[in-house]
């Protein structure tokens, strides 16, 4: 005889998937809402809640012999983890979503840049930062580089490209996206779409 209410459900998968996205998006939450010191306890609280839910309902479904519900909650964490890892592997990250949320506007601005369609158009947008005093800080920038040389190692970039950057960025705060001479300063370049790149500067 089947237990009443015993059926497969997506509820637990959605719960674990949502909490997993919180952890994947922690830097974006910090940048958008300036949580800084509040972020770790908030993430720990979210993790604690889902662990309690997992333990409570696992025991409940074992005692009441609701095996389909038990399978749903036991499979939820690994399925959510695989889904999130697959999304990141395919390039569907919070930064990719950020670009696509205002995709038409960014592409329109890129099309209006000086020297557009000549292979030399370049633009930087400020995407905020994370961290604070006595902590590791990160600065995020969106870059449009029609030549795509921003994605190359500094030693492999052409002299013409470097001269254009020196002319347009020297003396500005944005020049730091090119300067990797400081051992406490790391620059990471990630392709997003087309000629758009995410630049993450990490200061230790």
C-alpha atoms as a PDB file:
ATOM      1  CA  UNK A   1       0.000   0.000   0.000  1.00  0.00           C
ATOM      2  CA  UNK A   2       1.433   3.377  -1.044  1.00  0.00           C
ATOM      3  CA  UNK A   3       1.751   6.083   1.568  1.00  0.00           C
ATOM      4  CA  UNK A   4      -0.449   9.045   0.915  1.00  0.00           C
ATOM      5  CA  UNK A   5       1.524  12.044  -0.254  1.00  0.00           C
ATOM      6  CA  UNK A   6       4.545   9.975  -1.232  1.00  0.00           C
ATOM      7  CA  UNK A   7       5.703  11.302  -4.590  1.00  0.00           C
ATOM      8  CA  UNK A   8       8.747  12.793  -6.229  1.00  0.00           C
ATOM      9  CA  UNK A   9       9.112  16.553  -5.819  1.00  0.00           C
ATOM     10  CA  UNK A  10      11.373  19.287  -7.200  1.00  0.00           C
ATOM     11  CA  UNK A  11      11.012  21.405  -4.068  1.00  0.00           C
ATOM     12  CA  UNK A  12      14.255  20.235  -2.471  1.00  0.00           C
ATOM     13  CA  UNK A  13      16.201  20.505  -5.720  1.00  0.00           C
ATOM     14  CA  UNK A  14      15.033  24.118  -6.102  1.00  0.00           C
ATOM     15  CA  UNK A  15      16.006  24.836  -2.484  1.00  0.00           C
ATOM     16  CA  UNK A  16      19.541  23.423  -2.804  1.00  0.00           C
ATOM     17  CA  UNK A  17      19.985  24.948  -6.255  1.00  0.00           C
ATOM     18  CA  UNK A  18      19.028  28.375  -4.917  1.00  0.00           C
ATOM     19  CA  UNK A  19      21.406  28.170  -1.967  1.00  0.00           C
ATOM     20  CA  UNK A  20      24.154  26.927  -4.277  1.00  0.00           C
ATOM     21  CA  UNK A  21      23.637  29.952  -6.496  1.00  0.00           C
ATOM     22  CA  UNK A  22      24.023  32.170  -3.425  1.00  0.00           C
ATOM     23  CA  UNK A  23      27.479  30.730  -2.798  1.00  0.00           C
ATOM     24  CA  UNK A  24      28.475  30.966  -6.471  1.00  0.00           C
ATOM     25  CA  UNK A  25      27.282  34.576  -6.579  1.00  0.00           C
ATOM     26  CA  UNK A  26      28.782  35.703  -3.264  1.00  0.00           C
ATOM     27  CA  UNK A  27      31.179  38.211  -4.862  1.00  0.00           C
ATOM     28  CA  UNK A  28      28.334  39.686  -6.912  1.00  0.00           C
ATOM     29  CA  UNK A  29      26.141  40.005  -3.828  1.00  0.00           C
ATOM     30  CA  UNK A  30      28.987  41.859  -2.110  1.00  0.00           C
ATOM     31  CA  UNK A  31      29.467  44.188  -5.109  1.00  0.00           C
ATOM     32  CA  UNK A  32      25.760  44.920  -5.556  1.00  0.00           C
ATOM     33  CA  UNK A  33      24.707  45.292  -1.909  1.00  0.00           C
ATOM     34  CA  UNK A  34      28.046  46.125  -0.176  1.00  0.00           C
ATOM     35  CA  UNK A  35      27.508  43.343   2.368  1.00  0.00           C
ATOM     36  CA  UNK A  36      31.220  42.838   3.130  1.00  0.00           C
ATOM     37  CA  UNK A  37      31.339  41.522   6.759  1.00  0.00           C
ATOM     38  CA  UNK A  38      27.650  40.574   6.713  1.00  0.00           C
ATOM     39  CA  UNK A  39      28.061  38.168   3.791  1.00  0.00           C
ATOM     40  CA  UNK A  40      29.836  35.259   5.595  1.00  0.00           C
ATOM     41  CA  UNK A  41      27.257  34.987   8.402  1.00  0.00           C
ATOM     42  CA  UNK A  42      24.407  35.265   5.889  1.00  0.00           C
ATOM     43  CA  UNK A  43      25.859  32.432   3.826  1.00  0.00           C
ATOM     44  CA  UNK A  44      26.435  30.341   6.949  1.00  0.00           C
ATOM     45  CA  UNK A  45      22.831  30.989   8.008  1.00  0.00           C
ATOM     46  CA  UNK A  46      21.529  29.870   4.611  1.00  0.00           C
ATOM     47  CA  UNK A  47      23.720  26.753   4.737  1.00  0.00           C
ATOM     48  CA  UNK A  48      22.592  25.986   8.288  1.00  0.00           C
ATOM     49  CA  UNK A  49      18.922  26.266   7.339  1.00  0.00           C
ATOM     50  CA  UNK A  50      19.192  23.867   4.384  1.00  0.00           C
ATOM     51  CA  UNK A  51      21.180  21.378   6.486  1.00  0.00           C
ATOM     52  CA  UNK A  52      18.454  21.420   9.154  1.00  0.00           C
ATOM     53  CA  UNK A  53      15.757  21.001   6.482  1.00  0.00           C
ATOM     54  CA  UNK A  54      17.710  18.122   4.937  1.00  0.00           C
ATOM     55  CA  UNK A  55      18.133  16.322   8.265  1.00  0.00           C
ATOM     56  CA  UNK A  56      14.560  16.916   9.425  1.00  0.00           C
ATOM     57  CA  UNK A  57      12.829  15.709   6.285  1.00  0.00           C
ATOM     58  CA  UNK A  58      15.227  12.821   5.696  1.00  0.00           C
ATOM     59  CA  UNK A  59      14.398  11.409   9.130  1.00  0.00           C
ATOM     60  CA  UNK A  60      10.697  12.167   8.665  1.00  0.00           C
ATOM     61  CA  UNK A  61      10.480  10.364   5.336  1.00  0.00           C
ATOM     62  CA  UNK A  62      12.373   7.340   6.698  1.00  0.00           C
ATOM     63  CA  UNK A  63      10.047   7.065   9.686  1.00  0.00           C
ATOM     64  CA  UNK A  64       6.920   7.475   7.537  1.00  0.00           C
ATOM     65  CA  UNK A  65       8.333   5.241   4.762  1.00  0.00           C
ATOM     66  CA  UNK A  66       7.823   7.877   2.074  1.00  0.00           C
ATOM     67  CA  UNK A  67      10.591   6.562  -0.124  1.00  0.00           C
ATOM     68  CA  UNK A  68       9.957   8.743  -3.173  1.00  0.00           C
ATOM     69  CA  UNK A  69      10.139  11.863  -1.052  1.00  0.00           C
ATOM     70  CA  UNK A  70      13.284  10.509   0.593  1.00  0.00           C
ATOM     71  CA  UNK A  71      14.850   9.917  -2.822  1.00  0.00           C
ATOM     72  CA  UNK A  72      13.904  13.470  -3.817  1.00  0.00           C
ATOM     73  CA  UNK A  73      15.718  15.041  -0.883  1.00  0.00           C
ATOM     74  CA  UNK A  74      18.754  12.723  -1.055  1.00  0.00           C
ATOM     75  CA  UNK A  75      19.258  13.383  -4.765  1.00  0.00           C
ATOM     76  CA  UNK A  76      18.650  17.127  -4.514  1.00  0.00           C
ATOM     77  CA  UNK A  77      22.163  18.224  -3.333  1.00  0.00           C
ATOM     78  CA  UNK A  78      24.196  16.293  -5.948  1.00  0.00           C
ATOM     79  CA  UNK A  79      21.783  17.196  -8.757  1.00  0.00           C
ATOM     80  CA  UNK A  80      21.905  20.876  -7.757  1.00  0.00           C
ATOM     81  CA  UNK A  81      25.723  20.783  -7.599  1.00  0.00           C
ATOM     82  CA  UNK A  82      25.991  19.131 -11.027  1.00  0.00           C
ATOM     83  CA  UNK A  83      23.570  21.680 -12.499  1.00  0.00           C
ATOM     84  CA  UNK A  84      25.526  24.646 -11.134  1.00  0.00           C
ATOM     85  CA  UNK A  85      28.898  23.242 -12.216  1.00  0.00           C
ATOM     86  CA  UNK A  86      27.475  22.588 -15.697  1.00  0.00           C
ATOM     87  CA  UNK A  87      26.181  26.164 -15.930  1.00  0.00           C
ATOM     88  CA  UNK A  88      29.553  27.608 -14.939  1.00  0.00           C
ATOM     89  CA  UNK A  89      31.348  25.251 -17.353  1.00  0.00           C
ATOM     90  CA  UNK A  90      29.121  26.519 -20.178  1.00  0.00           C
ATOM     91  CA  UNK A  91      29.950  30.103 -19.254  1.00  0.00           C
ATOM     92  CA  UNK A  92      26.598  30.915 -17.653  1.00  0.00           C
ATOM     93  CA  UNK A  93      27.992  32.880 -14.712  1.00  0.00           C
ATOM     94  CA  UNK A  94      26.573  35.843 -12.744  1.00  0.00           C
ATOM     95  CA  UNK A  95      28.838  38.147 -14.798  1.00  0.00           C
ATOM     96  CA  UNK A  96      27.561  36.647 -18.078  1.00  0.00           C
ATOM     97  CA  UNK A  97      23.989  37.213 -16.886  1.00  0.00           C
ATOM     98  CA  UNK A  98      24.922  40.775 -15.881  1.00  0.00           C
ATOM     99  CA  UNK A  99      26.104  41.477 -19.430  1.00  0.00           C
ATOM    100  CA  UNK A 100      23.041  39.906 -21.009  1.00  0.00           C
ATOM    101  CA  UNK A 101      20.632  41.763 -18.743  1.00  0.00           C
ATOM    102  CA  UNK A 102      21.724  45.014 -20.456  1.00  0.00           C
ATOM    103  CA  UNK A 103      22.985  43.347 -23.618  1.00  0.00           C
ATOM    104  CA  UNK A 104      21.334  45.698 -26.117  1.00  0.00           C
ATOM    105  CA  UNK A 105      22.652  48.785 -24.335  1.00  0.00           C
ATOM    106  CA  UNK A 106      26.245  47.522 -24.120  1.00  0.00           C
ATOM    107  CA  UNK A 107      26.290  46.408 -27.756  1.00  0.00           C
ATOM    108  CA  UNK A 108      24.810  49.757 -28.835  1.00  0.00           C
ATOM    109  CA  UNK A 109      27.494  51.644 -26.889  1.00  0.00           C
ATOM    110  CA  UNK A 110      30.192  49.451 -28.450  1.00  0.00           C
ATOM    111  CA  UNK A 111      28.857  50.182 -31.929  1.00  0.00           C
ATOM    112  CA  UNK A 112      29.133  53.942 -31.264  1.00  0.00           C
ATOM    113  CA  UNK A 113      32.746  53.832 -30.084  1.00  0.00           C
ATOM    114  CA  UNK A 114      35.395  55.753 -32.042  1.00  0.00           C
ATOM    115  CA  UNK A 115      37.118  53.491 -34.576  1.00  0.00           C
ATOM    116  CA  UNK A 116      34.326  50.921 -34.266  1.00  0.00           C
ATOM    117  CA  UNK A 117      34.651  48.130 -36.846  1.00  0.00           C
ATOM    118  CA  UNK A 118      38.288  49.035 -37.498  1.00  0.00           C
ATOM    119  CA  UNK A 119      39.635  46.505 -35.017  1.00  0.00           C
ATOM    120  CA  UNK A 120      40.840  49.089 -32.498  1.00  0.00           C
ATOM    121  CA  UNK A 121      37.701  50.128 -30.553  1.00  0.00           C
ATOM    122  CA  UNK A 122      38.172  49.888 -26.786  1.00  0.00           C
ATOM    123  CA  UNK A 123      36.023  50.754 -23.778  1.00  0.00           C
ATOM    124  CA  UNK A 124      35.991  50.032 -20.033  1.00  0.00           C
ATOM    125  CA  UNK A 125      32.930  50.014 -17.756  1.00  0.00           C
ATOM    126  CA  UNK A 126      33.135  49.968 -13.965  1.00  0.00           C
ATOM    127  CA  UNK A 127      31.349  46.950 -12.464  1.00  0.00           C
ATOM    128  CA  UNK A 128      32.095  47.669  -8.805  1.00  0.00           C
ATOM    129  CA  UNK A 129      34.282  45.933  -6.260  1.00  0.00           C
ATOM    130  CA  UNK A 130      34.401  43.796  -3.147  1.00  0.00           C
ATOM    131  CA  UNK A 131      36.434  43.687   0.052  1.00  0.00           C
ATOM    132  CA  UNK A 132      37.594  46.380   2.414  1.00  0.00           C
ATOM    133  CA  UNK A 133      40.278  47.393   4.877  1.00  0.00           C
ATOM    134  CA  UNK A 134      42.648  44.552   5.878  1.00  0.00           C
ATOM    135  CA  UNK A 135      40.926  42.119   3.481  1.00  0.00           C
ATOM    136  CA  UNK A 136      41.519  40.932  -0.066  1.00  0.00           C
ATOM    137  CA  UNK A 137      39.858  43.416  -2.418  1.00  0.00           C
ATOM    138  CA  UNK A 138      38.615  42.815  -5.945  1.00  0.00           C
ATOM    139  CA  UNK A 139      37.685  45.330  -8.632  1.00  0.00           C
ATOM    140  CA  UNK A 140      35.466  44.227 -11.521  1.00  0.00           C
ATOM    141  CA  UNK A 141      35.444  45.838 -14.959  1.00  0.00           C
ATOM    142  CA  UNK A 142      33.706  45.074 -18.236  1.00  0.00           C
ATOM    143  CA  UNK A 143      35.995  45.641 -21.215  1.00  0.00           C
ATOM    144  CA  UNK A 144      35.163  45.829 -24.905  1.00  0.00           C
ATOM    145  CA  UNK A 145      38.286  45.208 -26.977  1.00  0.00           C
ATOM    146  CA  UNK A 146      37.626  44.838 -30.686  1.00  0.00           C
ATOM    147  CA  UNK A 147      41.151  43.517 -31.220  1.00  0.00           C
ATOM    148  CA  UNK A 148      40.773  40.901 -28.450  1.00  0.00           C
ATOM    149  CA  UNK A 149      44.376  41.508 -27.408  1.00  0.00           C
ATOM    150  CA  UNK A 150      43.281  42.128 -23.818  1.00  0.00           C
ATOM    151  CA  UNK A 151      42.884  38.344 -23.581  1.00  0.00           C
ATOM    152  CA  UNK A 152      46.545  37.729 -24.483  1.00  0.00           C
ATOM    153  CA  UNK A 153      49.447  37.522 -22.083  1.00  0.00           C
ATOM    154  CA  UNK A 154      51.017  41.020 -21.684  1.00  0.00           C
ATOM    155  CA  UNK A 155      54.190  39.902 -23.483  1.00  0.00           C
ATOM    156  CA  UNK A 156      52.164  38.756 -26.508  1.00  0.00           C
ATOM    157  CA  UNK A 157      50.219  41.992 -27.011  1.00  0.00           C
ATOM    158  CA  UNK A 158      51.280  44.055 -29.990  1.00  0.00           C
ATOM    159  CA  UNK A 159      53.219  47.297 -29.588  1.00  0.00           C
ATOM    160  CA  UNK A 160      50.450  49.148 -31.440  1.00  0.00           C
ATOM    161  CA  UNK A 161      47.853  47.912 -28.970  1.00  0.00           C
ATOM    162  CA  UNK A 162      50.037  48.856 -26.004  1.00  0.00           C
ATOM    163  CA  UNK A 163      50.604  52.338 -27.428  1.00  0.00           C
ATOM    164  CA  UNK A 164      46.845  52.849 -27.801  1.00  0.00           C
ATOM    165  CA  UNK A 165      46.307  51.752 -24.219  1.00  0.00           C
ATOM    166  CA  UNK A 166      49.101  54.010 -22.955  1.00  0.00           C
ATOM    167  CA  UNK A 167      47.529  56.936 -24.776  1.00  0.00           C
ATOM    168  CA  UNK A 168      43.969  56.360 -23.631  1.00  0.00           C
ATOM    169  CA  UNK A 169      44.421  54.900 -20.126  1.00  0.00           C
ATOM    170  CA  UNK A 170      47.663  56.322 -18.697  1.00  0.00           C
ATOM    171  CA  UNK A 171      46.899  58.621 -15.779  1.00  0.00           C
ATOM    172  CA  UNK A 172      43.495  57.055 -15.147  1.00  0.00           C
ATOM    173  CA  UNK A 173      42.421  54.532 -12.527  1.00  0.00           C
ATOM    174  CA  UNK A 174      41.589  52.120 -15.355  1.00  0.00           C
ATOM    175  CA  UNK A 175      45.247  51.761 -16.331  1.00  0.00           C
ATOM    176  CA  UNK A 176      45.598  49.237 -13.510  1.00  0.00           C
ATOM    177  CA  UNK A 177      43.808  46.613 -15.653  1.00  0.00           C
ATOM    178  CA  UNK A 178      46.997  46.521 -17.761  1.00  0.00           C
ATOM    179  CA  UNK A 179      49.587  46.880 -14.985  1.00  0.00           C
ATOM    180  CA  UNK A 180      50.590  43.507 -13.539  1.00  0.00           C
ATOM    181  CA  UNK A 181      54.000  44.525 -12.203  1.00  0.00           C
ATOM    182  CA  UNK A 182      52.960  44.565  -8.524  1.00  0.00           C
ATOM    183  CA  UNK A 183      53.183  41.182  -6.790  1.00  0.00           C
ATOM    184  CA  UNK A 184      50.149  42.117  -4.658  1.00  0.00           C
ATOM    185  CA  UNK A 185      48.055  42.900  -7.728  1.00  0.00           C
ATOM    186  CA  UNK A 186      46.644  40.152  -9.969  1.00  0.00           C
ATOM    187  CA  UNK A 187      44.625  40.703 -13.159  1.00  0.00           C
ATOM    188  CA  UNK A 188      42.321  37.955 -14.450  1.00  0.00           C
ATOM    189  CA  UNK A 189      40.699  38.204 -17.910  1.00  0.00           C
ATOM    190  CA  UNK A 190      37.626  36.105 -18.735  1.00  0.00           C
ATOM    191  CA  UNK A 191      35.830  36.112 -22.127  1.00  0.00           C
ATOM    192  CA  UNK A 192      32.093  36.772 -21.862  1.00  0.00           C
ATOM    193  CA  UNK A 193      30.754  37.157 -25.393  1.00  0.00           C
ATOM    194  CA  UNK A 194      32.152  38.481 -28.643  1.00  0.00           C
ATOM    195  CA  UNK A 195      34.681  41.205 -27.861  1.00  0.00           C
ATOM    196  CA  UNK A 196      33.433  41.660 -24.270  1.00  0.00           C
ATOM    197  CA  UNK A 197      35.648  40.566 -21.379  1.00  0.00           C
ATOM    198  CA  UNK A 198      35.412  40.515 -17.602  1.00  0.00           C
ATOM    199  CA  UNK A 199      38.472  41.925 -15.844  1.00  0.00           C
ATOM    200  CA  UNK A 200      38.923  41.057 -12.165  1.00  0.00           C
ATOM    201  CA  UNK A 201      41.732  42.799 -10.298  1.00  0.00           C
ATOM    202  CA  UNK A 202      42.692  41.256  -6.975  1.00  0.00           C
ATOM    203  CA  UNK A 203      44.639  43.236  -4.380  1.00  0.00           C
ATOM    204  CA  UNK A 204      46.083  41.367  -1.406  1.00  0.00           C
END
